[in-house]
Amino acid sequence: MVPALFFFVSLVNVVLGLIAQHDFAGAERAVRAYRAQAGATPELAAALSWLARGALDANRYDQAESYAAETRKLALDLLRTRKLDGDPWLPTALGGSIEVHALALAARGERPEAIAFLRQQLGLFGATSLGERIRKNINLLTLEGKPAPPLEENDWLGPRPVSLAALRGHPVLLFFWAHWCPDCKAEAPVLAALKNTYGPKGLVLVGPTRLYGYAAGGEEAAPATEKQYIEQVRHRYYAALADMPAPLSAANFLTYGASTTPTLILLDRAGVVRWYHPGAASEPELSARIQAILRE
């Protein structure tokens, strides 16, 4: 049975709720019923992309790719009459379809094909809001074991940052965060504990962030105003990390594919990426990874 409520609330929320209950059949019924009633809309494409993601997470690769292909076709059709970043749903839809197809290929052992596909998509959509997300997936498949790209450091909060090259000899933990991100704030005590434990043993924390064009309550803000607001957030929620330099640059987020905040990246003493992790992480997991590097 399709929830009747979905005509009055977000289809995406209905689909996410059903996927959380592992009711994939119910989620698909909701999508098909919505399409029969409302037609091909950007929200329909976004809901389909979440079906694709749910199937991928359940290791149903054929089903995931089928949903991703349907999402992509629908999104590209819709883009004939609108701009990608002018719609609240289309970046989610198209970005999800690209991500699911690439990760399904990689899960099947077709990593070179996945990387080639992602690089093709980066060429097509790198100048849009999808650039960071596509780069994230390229980095997930390629960055570990390679030297960390340099950070842009022309602007910053807190202590003046030094280059990653100048930090060779130290393990470095990069913490990409955003002023609006609750998961980033929740990660701050974890990082503070790690700094207290491993800072004396050489660990260095660097916390890149960026401007998003708005401040408190989502109110539009000029760069100087937003920077001042981020400084307030830093003092309020990251006081225990006050000595962590925070390079301020959107270019760093694109280079490192930090479309997910937080994104955590651990470098060894030689400046090589040993761990690339979009999302939060627990203190035991991070501690184990740092200890492994310190033992080398």
Protein backbone atom coordinates (compact mmCIF):
# COMPACT_ATOMS: atom_id res chain seq x y z
CA MET A 1 0.00 0.00 0.00
CA VAL A 2 1.31 3.47 -0.92
CA PRO A 3 1.21 6.03 1.92
CA ALA A 4 -1.56 8.50 1.06
CA LEU A 5 0.33 11.21 2.94
CA PHE A 6 3.00 11.47 0.26
CA PHE A 7 0.83 13.80 -1.80
CA PHE A 8 1.01 16.34 1.06
CA VAL A 9 4.60 15.93 2.25
CA SER A 10 7.91 15.58 0.47
CA LEU A 11 8.11 12.46 -1.67
CA VAL A 12 11.81 12.30 -0.85
CA ASN A 13 11.04 12.18 2.89
CA VAL A 14 8.53 9.37 2.33
CA VAL A 15 11.04 7.38 0.26
CA LEU A 16 13.84 7.92 2.80
CA GLY A 17 11.57 6.77 5.62
CA LEU A 18 10.59 3.59 3.77
CA ILE A 19 14.20 2.83 2.83
CA ALA A 20 15.19 3.26 6.49
CA GLN A 21 12.63 0.53 7.25
CA HIS A 22 14.13 -1.62 4.44
CA ASP A 23 10.80 -1.40 2.63
CA PHE A 24 12.20 -1.00 -0.88
CA ALA A 25 9.01 -2.26 -2.50
CA GLY A 26 6.97 0.33 -0.62
CA ALA A 27 9.41 3.08 -1.60
CA GLU A 28 9.14 2.12 -5.27
CA ARG A 29 5.35 2.03 -5.08
CA ALA A 30 5.38 5.55 -3.63
CA VAL A 31 7.59 6.74 -6.47
CA ARG A 32 5.45 5.13 -9.18
CA ALA A 33 2.22 6.44 -7.65
CA TYR A 34 3.67 9.94 -7.42
CA ARG A 35 4.75 9.83 -11.06
CA ALA A 36 1.29 8.69 -12.16
CA GLN A 37 -0.23 11.62 -10.27
CA ALA A 38 2.33 14.43 -10.73
CA GLY A 39 4.38 13.39 -13.75
CA ALA A 40 8.14 13.77 -14.23
CA THR A 41 9.35 16.35 -11.70
CA PRO A 42 12.74 17.19 -10.20
CA GLU A 43 11.58 15.79 -6.85
CA LEU A 44 10.70 12.52 -8.54
CA ALA A 45 14.24 12.36 -9.92
CA ALA A 46 15.66 13.03 -6.44
CA ALA A 47 13.49 10.30 -4.92
CA LEU A 48 14.64 7.85 -7.59
CA SER A 49 18.26 8.72 -6.78
CA TRP A 50 17.64 7.77 -3.14
CA LEU A 51 16.15 4.47 -4.27
CA ALA A 52 19.35 3.91 -6.21
CA ARG A 53 21.45 4.74 -3.16
CA GLY A 54 19.39 2.46 -0.93
CA ALA A 55 19.77 -0.43 -3.36
CA LEU A 56 23.54 0.19 -3.54
CA ASP A 57 23.84 0.18 0.25
CA ALA A 58 21.97 -3.15 0.26
CA ASN A 59 24.46 -4.54 -2.31
CA ARG A 60 21.71 -4.88 -4.91
CA TYR A 61 23.93 -3.65 -7.71
CA ASP A 62 21.72 -4.46 -10.70
CA GLN A 63 18.76 -2.74 -9.09
CA ALA A 64 20.92 0.21 -8.04
CA GLU A 65 22.21 0.72 -11.56
CA SER A 66 18.72 0.44 -12.99
CA TYR A 67 17.44 3.17 -10.65
CA ALA A 68 20.55 5.28 -11.35
CA ALA A 69 20.04 5.02 -15.11
CA GLU A 70 16.37 5.97 -14.78
CA THR A 71 17.32 8.90 -12.55
CA ARG A 72 19.97 10.12 -14.95
CA LYS A 73 17.63 10.00 -17.96
CA LEU A 74 14.92 11.87 -16.09
CA ALA A 75 17.33 14.48 -14.74
CA LEU A 76 18.92 15.14 -18.14
CA ASP A 77 15.49 15.46 -19.73
CA LEU A 78 14.51 18.02 -17.08
CA LEU A 79 17.76 19.93 -17.62
CA ARG A 80 16.67 20.79 -21.14
CA THR A 81 14.38 23.44 -19.71
CA ARG A 82 16.14 24.50 -16.49
CA LYS A 83 19.58 25.02 -14.95
CA LEU A 84 21.05 22.36 -12.69
CA ASP A 85 21.83 24.67 -9.79
CA GLY A 86 18.65 26.65 -10.24
CA ASP A 87 16.60 23.77 -8.85
CA PRO A 88 16.70 22.39 -5.28
CA TRP A 89 16.26 18.73 -6.34
CA LEU A 90 18.22 18.22 -9.56
CA PRO A 91 21.75 18.35 -8.06
CA THR A 92 20.71 15.63 -5.60
CA ALA A 93 19.21 13.56 -8.40
CA LEU A 94 21.99 13.81 -10.96
CA GLY A 95 24.76 13.66 -8.37
CA GLY A 96 23.22 10.55 -6.85
CA SER A 97 22.91 8.83 -10.22
CA ILE A 98 26.57 9.52 -11.03
CA GLU A 99 27.75 8.35 -7.61
CA VAL A 100 25.70 5.15 -7.60
CA HIS A 101 26.76 4.10 -11.09
CA ALA A 102 30.44 4.65 -10.28
CA LEU A 103 30.33 2.88 -6.93
CA ALA A 104 28.40 -0.05 -8.37
CA LEU A 105 31.07 -0.45 -11.06
CA ALA A 106 33.81 -0.31 -8.42
CA ALA A 107 31.99 -2.84 -6.21
CA ARG A 108 31.96 -5.24 -9.14
CA GLY A 109 35.71 -4.90 -9.59
CA GLU A 110 35.48 -2.45 -12.49
CA ARG A 111 37.43 0.32 -10.79
CA PRO A 112 39.17 1.68 -13.94
CA GLU A 113 35.80 1.98 -15.67
CA ALA A 114 34.35 3.73 -12.60
CA ILE A 115 37.21 6.24 -12.48
CA ALA A 116 36.96 6.91 -16.23
CA PHE A 117 33.23 7.52 -15.90
CA LEU A 118 33.69 9.90 -12.97
CA ARG A 119 36.37 11.87 -14.79
CA GLN A 120 34.07 12.17 -17.79
CA GLN A 121 31.30 13.48 -15.54
CA LEU A 122 33.72 15.91 -13.88
CA GLY A 123 34.45 17.31 -17.32
CA LEU A 124 30.73 17.79 -17.92
CA PHE A 125 29.64 19.06 -14.49
CA GLY A 126 32.81 20.16 -12.69
CA ALA A 127 31.83 23.82 -12.87
CA THR A 128 28.51 23.16 -11.11
CA SER A 129 27.69 22.26 -7.51
CA LEU A 130 28.34 18.62 -8.46
CA GLY A 131 32.08 19.25 -8.80
CA GLU A 132 32.86 18.50 -5.14
CA ARG A 133 30.67 15.38 -5.09
CA ILE A 134 32.19 13.93 -8.24
CA ARG A 135 35.70 14.69 -7.01
CA LYS A 136 34.83 13.00 -3.69
CA ASN A 137 34.05 9.78 -5.51
CA ILE A 138 37.20 10.01 -7.62
CA ASN A 139 39.20 10.50 -4.42
CA LEU A 140 37.48 7.54 -2.75
CA LEU A 141 38.80 5.36 -5.56
CA THR A 142 42.20 6.94 -6.17
CA LEU A 143 43.57 9.21 -3.43
CA GLU A 144 44.77 6.79 -0.75
CA GLY A 145 48.43 5.95 -1.24
CA LYS A 146 49.13 9.17 -3.15
CA PRO A 147 50.75 12.43 -1.99
CA ALA A 148 48.21 14.84 -0.55
CA PRO A 149 47.40 17.75 -2.87
CA PRO A 150 48.55 21.12 -1.54
CA LEU A 151 46.07 23.35 0.26
CA GLU A 152 45.30 26.90 -0.80
CA GLU A 153 46.22 29.09 2.19
CA ASN A 154 45.71 32.71 1.10
CA ASP A 155 42.96 33.25 3.67
CA TRP A 156 42.38 31.56 7.00
CA LEU A 157 40.93 31.60 10.50
CA GLY A 158 42.95 30.99 13.65
CA PRO A 159 46.71 30.57 13.47
CA ARG A 160 48.30 31.13 10.09
CA PRO A 161 48.57 27.75 8.31
CA VAL A 162 51.79 26.37 6.94
CA SER A 163 51.96 24.26 3.81
CA LEU A 164 51.47 20.52 3.93
CA ALA A 165 54.98 20.21 2.51
CA ALA A 166 56.32 22.05 5.59
CA LEU A 167 54.53 19.53 7.82
CA ARG A 168 56.41 16.54 6.45
CA GLY A 169 57.70 14.47 9.34
CA HIS A 170 54.37 14.81 11.17
CA PRO A 171 51.20 12.80 10.72
CA VAL A 172 48.49 15.27 9.70
CA LEU A 173 44.73 15.00 10.16
CA LEU A 174 42.69 17.21 7.83
CA PHE A 175 39.24 18.07 9.13
CA PHE A 176 37.01 19.67 6.48
CA TRP A 177 34.11 21.38 8.26
CA ALA A 178 31.29 23.85 7.60
CA HIS A 179 29.81 26.48 9.89
CA TRP A 180 26.28 25.07 9.41
CA CYS A 181 27.25 21.41 9.96
CA PRO A 182 25.97 19.74 13.20
CA ASP A 183 28.06 16.60 12.59
CA CYS A 184 31.18 18.78 12.44
CA LYS A 185 30.37 20.33 15.81
CA ALA A 186 29.80 16.85 17.25
CA GLU A 187 33.22 15.76 15.95
CA ALA A 188 35.04 18.61 17.73
CA PRO A 189 35.36 16.83 21.15
CA VAL A 190 36.68 13.73 19.39
CA LEU A 191 39.36 15.76 17.64
CA ALA A 192 40.22 17.64 20.83
CA ALA A 193 40.79 14.34 22.64
CA LEU A 194 42.99 13.10 19.79
CA LYS A 195 44.99 16.35 19.82
CA ASN A 196 45.58 16.02 23.56
CA THR A 197 46.72 12.41 23.20
CA TYR A 198 48.70 12.50 19.98
CA GLY A 199 49.70 16.16 19.62
CA PRO A 200 52.70 15.60 21.92
CA LYS A 201 53.66 12.68 19.66
CA GLY A 202 53.65 14.84 16.53
CA LEU A 203 50.08 14.82 15.22
CA VAL A 204 49.04 18.08 13.54
CA LEU A 205 45.40 19.05 12.94
CA VAL A 206 44.40 21.32 10.06
CA GLY A 207 40.75 22.34 9.64
CA PRO A 208 39.93 23.67 6.16
CA THR A 209 36.59 25.43 5.78
CA ARG A 210 34.90 27.64 3.19
CA LEU A 211 32.33 30.34 2.56
CA TYR A 212 28.82 29.31 1.54
CA GLY A 213 27.25 32.72 0.95
CA TYR A 214 25.09 32.79 4.05
CA ALA A 215 25.35 33.08 7.82
CA ALA A 216 22.96 32.53 10.74
CA GLY A 217 19.53 31.25 9.78
CA GLY A 218 20.53 30.90 6.14
CA GLU A 219 20.56 34.67 5.66
CA GLU A 220 22.61 35.78 2.66
CA ALA A 221 25.92 37.29 3.71
CA ALA A 222 28.78 39.05 1.98
CA PRO A 223 32.17 37.30 2.34
CA ALA A 224 33.43 39.60 5.11
CA THR A 225 30.21 39.18 7.09
CA GLU A 226 30.19 35.41 6.66
CA LYS A 227 33.84 35.15 7.65
CA GLN A 228 33.07 37.05 10.85
CA TYR A 229 30.16 34.68 11.51
CA ILE A 230 32.36 31.62 10.96
CA GLU A 231 34.83 33.04 13.45
CA GLN A 232 32.01 33.26 16.00
CA VAL A 233 31.04 29.65 15.30
CA ARG A 234 34.66 28.58 15.64
CA HIS A 235 35.00 30.24 19.04
CA ARG A 236 31.69 28.84 20.29
CA TYR A 237 31.88 25.23 19.10
CA TYR A 238 35.59 24.64 18.42
CA ALA A 239 37.20 26.41 21.36
CA ALA A 240 39.15 23.26 22.25
CA LEU A 241 40.65 23.42 18.74
CA ALA A 242 41.53 27.12 18.86
CA ASP A 243 45.12 26.41 17.82
CA MET A 244 44.00 24.47 14.73
CA PRO A 245 44.66 26.55 11.58
CA ALA A 246 41.61 26.79 9.32
CA PRO A 247 42.44 27.63 5.69
CA LEU A 248 39.43 29.36 4.13
CA SER A 249 38.98 28.29 0.50
CA ALA A 250 36.34 26.73 -1.74
CA ALA A 251 39.16 25.46 -3.96
CA ASN A 252 40.37 23.14 -1.18
CA PHE A 253 36.89 21.61 -0.92
CA LEU A 254 36.84 20.98 -4.66
CA THR A 255 40.34 19.48 -4.71
CA TYR A 256 39.58 17.15 -1.82
CA GLY A 257 35.97 16.46 -2.84
CA ALA A 258 34.68 17.57 0.54
CA SER A 259 31.02 17.64 -0.46
CA THR A 260 30.32 15.71 2.75
CA THR A 261 31.05 17.50 6.01
CA PRO A 262 32.94 16.57 7.95
CA THR A 263 35.48 14.94 5.68
CA LEU A 264 38.50 13.45 7.47
CA ILE A 265 41.80 12.72 5.73
CA LEU A 266 44.85 11.27 7.46
CA LEU A 267 48.34 11.82 6.04
CA ASP A 268 51.46 9.94 7.11
CA ARG A 269 54.79 11.55 7.90
CA ALA A 270 55.72 11.56 4.20
CA GLY A 271 52.59 13.52 3.30
CA VAL A 272 50.88 10.52 1.69
CA VAL A 273 47.14 10.06 2.10
CA ARG A 274 46.56 6.95 4.18
CA TRP A 275 42.85 7.36 4.84
CA TYR A 276 40.13 9.32 3.04
CA HIS A 277 36.80 9.38 4.85
CA PRO A 278 33.73 11.46 3.99
CA GLY A 279 31.71 11.69 7.20
CA ALA A 280 32.31 11.64 10.94
CA ALA A 281 34.42 9.01 12.68
CA SER A 282 34.69 7.72 16.23
CA GLU A 283 37.62 8.35 18.54
CA PRO A 284 38.60 4.63 18.67
CA GLU A 285 38.67 4.37 14.87
CA LEU A 286 40.72 7.51 14.42
CA SER A 287 43.00 6.61 17.30
CA ALA A 288 43.77 3.19 15.79
CA ARG A 289 44.66 4.75 12.45
CA ILE A 290 46.87 7.40 14.01
CA GLN A 291 48.66 4.83 16.15
CA ALA A 292 49.38 2.71 13.08
CA ILE A 293 51.13 5.66 11.44
CA LEU A 294 53.03 6.59 14.59
CA ARG A 295 54.36 3.02 14.85
CA GLU A 296 55.93 3.20 11.39
